[in-house]
Amino acid sequence: MYVEGNVVVAEFTRAAAFDEVEQIQEAFVRCVRQPRVTAHVAHMDLDRSPGERMLGGAAEAAAVGSEHGLEKWAAVADSIERLAVKCRVSEADIDVLATDDVTEAMTWARE
């Protein structure tokens, strides 16, 4: 996870998404606290459904992000996961984009 301009970028791989949820949340909080951050792009390359633990983590992260000025969240995946994340993150009053195109997500997040 890293910050690029105003965007926190996270690339969730098969292992990280399921085995390192707490570490991912801690890294996200550190990144989102930076004053210039206003958006998040979560690129998910998963070999199975994210499950309740990961989806719950996304909802919690969105709530924390909203408290720190996060305005946008892009969920990028080739499958239905992007819609599941969108539903959870939308509860935090953040604009959400669900797409399968990382370039589109980054462009939208930077606007």
N, C-alpha and C. Protein backbone atom coordinates (compact mmCIF):
# COMPACT_ATOMS: atom_id res chain seq x y z
N MET A 1 0.86 -1.16 0.00
CA MET A 1 0.00 0.00 0.00
C MET A 1 0.91 1.23 0.00
N TYR A 2 0.53 2.21 -0.81
CA TYR A 2 1.34 3.41 -0.93
C TYR A 2 0.45 4.58 -1.35
N VAL A 3 1.01 5.79 -1.23
CA VAL A 3 0.29 7.00 -1.63
C VAL A 3 0.92 7.53 -2.91
N GLU A 4 0.06 7.77 -3.89
CA GLU A 4 0.48 8.35 -5.16
C GLU A 4 -0.35 9.62 -5.36
N GLY A 5 0.28 10.77 -5.15
CA GLY A 5 -0.45 12.03 -5.21
C GLY A 5 -1.46 12.09 -4.09
N ASN A 6 -2.73 12.18 -4.43
CA ASN A 6 -3.81 12.24 -3.44
C ASN A 6 -4.49 10.88 -3.22
N VAL A 7 -3.92 9.82 -3.77
CA VAL A 7 -4.59 8.52 -3.79
C VAL A 7 -3.81 7.47 -3.00
N VAL A 8 -4.50 6.79 -2.08
CA VAL A 8 -3.94 5.60 -1.43
C VAL A 8 -4.21 4.44 -2.38
N VAL A 9 -3.15 3.78 -2.81
CA VAL A 9 -3.26 2.66 -3.74
C VAL A 9 -2.96 1.36 -3.00
N ALA A 10 -3.86 0.39 -3.15
CA ALA A 10 -3.65 -0.92 -2.54
C ALA A 10 -3.88 -1.99 -3.59
N GLU A 11 -2.94 -2.90 -3.68
CA GLU A 11 -3.07 -4.03 -4.59
C GLU A 11 -3.21 -5.28 -3.73
N PHE A 12 -4.40 -5.84 -3.75
CA PHE A 12 -4.69 -7.02 -2.94
C PHE A 12 -4.44 -8.27 -3.76
N THR A 13 -3.46 -9.05 -3.33
CA THR A 13 -3.14 -10.30 -4.00
C THR A 13 -3.85 -11.43 -3.27
N ARG A 14 -3.78 -12.58 -3.83
CA ARG A 14 -4.44 -13.74 -3.23
C ARG A 14 -4.06 -13.93 -1.77
N ALA A 15 -2.78 -13.85 -1.45
CA ALA A 15 -2.33 -14.09 -0.07
C ALA A 15 -2.66 -12.91 0.84
N ALA A 16 -2.34 -11.71 0.42
CA ALA A 16 -2.50 -10.54 1.28
C ALA A 16 -3.95 -10.31 1.67
N ALA A 17 -4.85 -10.53 0.78
CA ALA A 17 -6.26 -10.24 1.04
C ALA A 17 -6.84 -11.09 2.16
N PHE A 18 -6.31 -12.26 2.36
CA PHE A 18 -6.90 -13.17 3.33
C PHE A 18 -6.04 -13.41 4.56
N ASP A 19 -4.75 -13.22 4.44
CA ASP A 19 -3.85 -13.56 5.53
C ASP A 19 -3.35 -12.36 6.32
N GLU A 20 -3.52 -11.17 5.80
CA GLU A 20 -2.91 -10.00 6.42
C GLU A 20 -3.91 -8.86 6.62
N VAL A 21 -5.13 -9.17 6.96
CA VAL A 21 -6.17 -8.15 7.07
C VAL A 21 -5.79 -7.06 8.08
N GLU A 22 -5.28 -7.45 9.23
CA GLU A 22 -4.93 -6.45 10.25
C GLU A 22 -3.80 -5.53 9.77
N GLN A 23 -2.79 -6.11 9.13
CA GLN A 23 -1.67 -5.32 8.63
C GLN A 23 -2.14 -4.37 7.52
N ILE A 24 -3.04 -4.83 6.71
CA ILE A 24 -3.58 -4.00 5.64
C ILE A 24 -4.33 -2.82 6.25
N GLN A 25 -5.14 -3.07 7.26
CA GLN A 25 -5.90 -1.99 7.90
C GLN A 25 -4.97 -0.97 8.54
N GLU A 26 -3.91 -1.42 9.20
CA GLU A 26 -2.96 -0.51 9.83
C GLU A 26 -2.26 0.35 8.78
N ALA A 27 -1.83 -0.25 7.68
CA ALA A 27 -1.17 0.49 6.61
C ALA A 27 -2.12 1.52 6.00
N PHE A 28 -3.38 1.13 5.83
CA PHE A 28 -4.37 2.05 5.27
C PHE A 28 -4.54 3.27 6.16
N VAL A 29 -4.67 3.06 7.45
CA VAL A 29 -4.86 4.17 8.39
C VAL A 29 -3.66 5.11 8.33
N ARG A 30 -2.45 4.57 8.29
CA ARG A 30 -1.25 5.42 8.20
C ARG A 30 -1.29 6.26 6.93
N CYS A 31 -1.68 5.67 5.83
CA CYS A 31 -1.71 6.38 4.55
C CYS A 31 -2.83 7.42 4.50
N VAL A 32 -4.02 7.06 4.94
CA VAL A 32 -5.17 7.94 4.81
C VAL A 32 -5.07 9.16 5.73
N ARG A 33 -4.25 9.09 6.74
CA ARG A 33 -4.07 10.23 7.64
C ARG A 33 -3.24 11.36 7.02
N GLN A 34 -2.61 11.09 5.89
CA GLN A 34 -1.83 12.13 5.24
C GLN A 34 -2.79 13.19 4.69
N PRO A 35 -2.50 14.48 4.96
CA PRO A 35 -3.45 15.55 4.61
C PRO A 35 -3.83 15.62 3.13
N ARG A 36 -2.94 15.23 2.25
CA ARG A 36 -3.24 15.37 0.81
C ARG A 36 -4.13 14.25 0.28
N VAL A 37 -4.33 13.19 1.04
CA VAL A 37 -5.08 12.03 0.57
C VAL A 37 -6.58 12.32 0.57
N THR A 38 -7.21 12.10 -0.60
CA THR A 38 -8.66 12.28 -0.73
C THR A 38 -9.34 11.09 -1.39
N ALA A 39 -8.54 10.09 -1.83
CA ALA A 39 -9.14 8.97 -2.56
C ALA A 39 -8.36 7.68 -2.29
N HIS A 40 -9.03 6.57 -2.59
CA HIS A 40 -8.44 5.24 -2.42
C HIS A 40 -8.79 4.40 -3.64
N VAL A 41 -7.79 3.69 -4.16
CA VAL A 41 -8.02 2.72 -5.23
C VAL A 41 -7.59 1.35 -4.71
N ALA A 42 -8.54 0.44 -4.63
CA ALA A 42 -8.29 -0.92 -4.18
C ALA A 42 -8.37 -1.85 -5.38
N HIS A 43 -7.22 -2.35 -5.80
CA HIS A 43 -7.16 -3.27 -6.94
C HIS A 43 -7.11 -4.69 -6.40
N MET A 44 -8.15 -5.45 -6.66
CA MET A 44 -8.29 -6.80 -6.11
C MET A 44 -8.05 -7.86 -7.18
N ASP A 45 -7.06 -8.68 -6.96
CA ASP A 45 -6.75 -9.81 -7.82
C ASP A 45 -6.88 -11.06 -6.95
N LEU A 46 -8.11 -11.50 -6.76
CA LEU A 46 -8.41 -12.55 -5.79
C LEU A 46 -8.73 -13.87 -6.48
N ASP A 47 -8.35 -14.96 -5.84
CA ASP A 47 -8.65 -16.28 -6.39
C ASP A 47 -9.87 -16.91 -5.74
N ARG A 48 -10.50 -16.17 -4.82
CA ARG A 48 -11.76 -16.64 -4.21
C ARG A 48 -12.51 -15.42 -3.69
N SER A 49 -13.73 -15.62 -3.28
CA SER A 49 -14.56 -14.54 -2.76
C SER A 49 -13.89 -13.88 -1.56
N PRO A 50 -14.01 -12.56 -1.41
CA PRO A 50 -13.35 -11.89 -0.30
C PRO A 50 -13.87 -12.29 1.07
N GLY A 51 -15.08 -12.70 1.17
CA GLY A 51 -15.62 -13.14 2.45
C GLY A 51 -15.95 -11.98 3.38
N GLU A 52 -16.63 -12.34 4.43
CA GLU A 52 -17.13 -11.33 5.38
C GLU A 52 -16.00 -10.57 6.07
N ARG A 53 -14.94 -11.24 6.41
CA ARG A 53 -13.83 -10.58 7.12
C ARG A 53 -13.23 -9.45 6.28
N MET A 54 -12.97 -9.72 5.02
CA MET A 54 -12.38 -8.71 4.15
C MET A 54 -13.39 -7.61 3.83
N LEU A 55 -14.62 -7.96 3.56
CA LEU A 55 -15.65 -6.96 3.27
C LEU A 55 -15.91 -6.08 4.49
N GLY A 56 -15.94 -6.68 5.66
CA GLY A 56 -16.08 -5.90 6.88
C GLY A 56 -14.91 -4.95 7.08
N GLY A 57 -13.71 -5.42 6.75
CA GLY A 57 -12.53 -4.57 6.83
C GLY A 57 -12.62 -3.39 5.89
N ALA A 58 -13.17 -3.60 4.70
CA ALA A 58 -13.34 -2.50 3.74
C ALA A 58 -14.33 -1.47 4.29
N ALA A 59 -15.41 -1.94 4.88
CA ALA A 59 -16.40 -1.02 5.45
C ALA A 59 -15.79 -0.20 6.59
N GLU A 60 -15.03 -0.87 7.45
CA GLU A 60 -14.37 -0.15 8.56
C GLU A 60 -13.35 0.85 8.03
N ALA A 61 -12.58 0.46 7.03
CA ALA A 61 -11.59 1.35 6.45
C ALA A 61 -12.26 2.56 5.82
N ALA A 62 -13.38 2.36 5.16
CA ALA A 62 -14.10 3.48 4.55
C ALA A 62 -14.58 4.46 5.62
N ALA A 63 -15.07 3.93 6.72
CA ALA A 63 -15.53 4.81 7.81
C ALA A 63 -14.37 5.61 8.38
N VAL A 64 -13.24 4.97 8.61
CA VAL A 64 -12.04 5.68 9.10
C VAL A 64 -11.57 6.69 8.07
N GLY A 65 -11.55 6.28 6.82
CA GLY A 65 -11.13 7.19 5.75
C GLY A 65 -12.01 8.42 5.67
N SER A 66 -13.30 8.22 5.80
CA SER A 66 -14.24 9.34 5.77
C SER A 66 -13.95 10.34 6.88
N GLU A 67 -13.59 9.83 8.05
CA GLU A 67 -13.25 10.70 9.18
C GLU A 67 -12.00 11.53 8.90
N HIS A 68 -11.14 11.04 8.02
CA HIS A 68 -9.89 11.72 7.70
C HIS A 68 -9.94 12.44 6.36
N GLY A 69 -11.12 12.64 5.80
CA GLY A 69 -11.26 13.42 4.58
C GLY A 69 -11.29 12.64 3.28
N LEU A 70 -11.35 11.32 3.36
CA LEU A 70 -11.44 10.52 2.15
C LEU A 70 -12.79 10.77 1.48
N GLU A 71 -12.75 11.09 0.20
CA GLU A 71 -13.96 11.42 -0.55
C GLU A 71 -14.35 10.37 -1.58
N LYS A 72 -13.35 9.61 -2.07
CA LYS A 72 -13.60 8.65 -3.15
C LYS A 72 -12.94 7.32 -2.85
N TRP A 73 -13.58 6.25 -3.35
CA TRP A 73 -13.06 4.90 -3.20
C TRP A 73 -13.36 4.15 -4.50
N ALA A 74 -12.34 3.65 -5.15
CA ALA A 74 -12.53 2.86 -6.36
C ALA A 74 -12.22 1.40 -6.06
N ALA A 75 -13.15 0.53 -6.37
CA ALA A 75 -12.98 -0.92 -6.22
C ALA A 75 -12.73 -1.49 -7.61
N VAL A 76 -11.52 -2.02 -7.82
CA VAL A 76 -11.14 -2.53 -9.13
C VAL A 76 -10.96 -4.04 -9.05
N ALA A 77 -11.73 -4.75 -9.87
CA ALA A 77 -11.61 -6.22 -9.94
C ALA A 77 -12.25 -6.70 -11.23
N ASP A 78 -11.84 -7.88 -11.65
CA ASP A 78 -12.40 -8.47 -12.86
C ASP A 78 -13.71 -9.20 -12.61
N SER A 79 -14.12 -9.28 -11.37
CA SER A 79 -15.30 -10.08 -11.05
C SER A 79 -16.22 -9.33 -10.09
N ILE A 80 -17.17 -10.06 -9.55
CA ILE A 80 -18.23 -9.51 -8.72
C ILE A 80 -17.72 -8.85 -7.43
N GLU A 81 -16.48 -9.14 -7.03
CA GLU A 81 -15.94 -8.56 -5.80
C GLU A 81 -16.05 -7.05 -5.77
N ARG A 82 -15.86 -6.42 -6.91
CA ARG A 82 -15.92 -4.95 -6.94
C ARG A 82 -17.30 -4.45 -6.51
N LEU A 83 -18.35 -5.16 -6.85
CA LEU A 83 -19.69 -4.74 -6.47
C LEU A 83 -19.96 -5.00 -4.99
N ALA A 84 -19.43 -6.09 -4.46
CA ALA A 84 -19.58 -6.37 -3.04
C ALA A 84 -18.89 -5.31 -2.20
N VAL A 85 -17.68 -4.92 -2.62
CA VAL A 85 -16.95 -3.87 -1.91
C VAL A 85 -17.68 -2.54 -2.05
N LYS A 86 -18.17 -2.25 -3.25
CA LYS A 86 -18.91 -0.99 -3.46
C LYS A 86 -20.08 -0.88 -2.50
N CYS A 87 -20.83 -1.95 -2.34
CA CYS A 87 -21.99 -1.92 -1.42
C CYS A 87 -21.56 -1.61 0.00
N ARG A 88 -20.49 -2.20 0.47
CA ARG A 88 -20.03 -1.98 1.84
C ARG A 88 -19.46 -0.58 2.04
N VAL A 89 -18.69 -0.11 1.08
CA VAL A 89 -18.04 1.19 1.21
C VAL A 89 -19.06 2.32 1.06
N SER A 90 -20.09 2.13 0.28
CA SER A 90 -21.10 3.16 0.06
C SER A 90 -21.78 3.58 1.34
N GLU A 91 -21.78 2.73 2.34
CA GLU A 91 -22.40 3.06 3.62
C GLU A 91 -21.67 4.17 4.35
N ALA A 92 -20.43 4.47 3.96
CA ALA A 92 -19.60 5.47 4.65
C ALA A 92 -19.72 6.86 4.04
N ASP A 93 -20.69 7.10 3.17
CA ASP A 93 -20.88 8.41 2.56
C ASP A 93 -19.65 8.85 1.78
N ILE A 94 -19.10 7.94 0.98
CA ILE A 94 -17.97 8.20 0.10
C ILE A 94 -18.43 7.87 -1.31
N ASP A 95 -18.01 8.68 -2.29
CA ASP A 95 -18.29 8.36 -3.68
C ASP A 95 -17.53 7.09 -4.05
N VAL A 96 -18.21 6.15 -4.70
CA VAL A 96 -17.60 4.86 -5.00
C VAL A 96 -17.72 4.55 -6.48
N LEU A 97 -16.62 4.06 -7.03
CA LEU A 97 -16.58 3.60 -8.41
C LEU A 97 -16.24 2.12 -8.40
N ALA A 98 -16.99 1.31 -9.11
CA ALA A 98 -16.69 -0.11 -9.27
C ALA A 98 -16.35 -0.33 -10.74
N THR A 99 -15.15 -0.82 -11.00
CA THR A 99 -14.69 -0.98 -12.37
C THR A 99 -13.71 -2.14 -12.47
N ASP A 100 -13.40 -2.52 -13.70
CA ASP A 100 -12.36 -3.53 -13.91
C ASP A 100 -11.11 -2.90 -14.54
N ASP A 101 -11.07 -1.56 -14.60
CA ASP A 101 -10.00 -0.83 -15.27
C ASP A 101 -9.24 0.05 -14.28
N VAL A 102 -7.99 -0.32 -13.99
CA VAL A 102 -7.17 0.42 -13.03
C VAL A 102 -6.92 1.85 -13.51
N THR A 103 -6.66 2.02 -14.79
CA THR A 103 -6.41 3.37 -15.33
C THR A 103 -7.62 4.27 -15.13
N GLU A 104 -8.80 3.75 -15.42
CA GLU A 104 -10.03 4.51 -15.21
C GLU A 104 -10.17 4.89 -13.74
N ALA A 105 -9.90 3.96 -12.86
CA ALA A 105 -10.03 4.20 -11.42
C ALA A 105 -9.06 5.29 -10.96
N MET A 106 -7.82 5.22 -11.39
CA MET A 106 -6.82 6.22 -10.99
C MET A 106 -7.18 7.60 -11.54
N THR A 107 -7.63 7.68 -12.76
CA THR A 107 -8.03 8.96 -13.33
C THR A 107 -9.19 9.56 -12.55
N TRP A 108 -10.18 8.75 -12.25
CA TRP A 108 -11.35 9.20 -11.48
C TRP A 108 -10.93 9.64 -10.10
N ALA A 109 -10.07 8.90 -9.44
CA ALA A 109 -9.65 9.21 -8.08
C ALA A 109 -8.87 10.52 -8.01
N ARG A 110 -8.13 10.83 -9.04
CA ARG A 110 -7.31 12.06 -9.05
C ARG A 110 -8.12 13.32 -9.33
N GLU A 111 -9.29 13.18 -9.90
CA GLU A 111 -10.12 14.35 -10.26
C GLU A 111 -10.65 15.06 -9.05
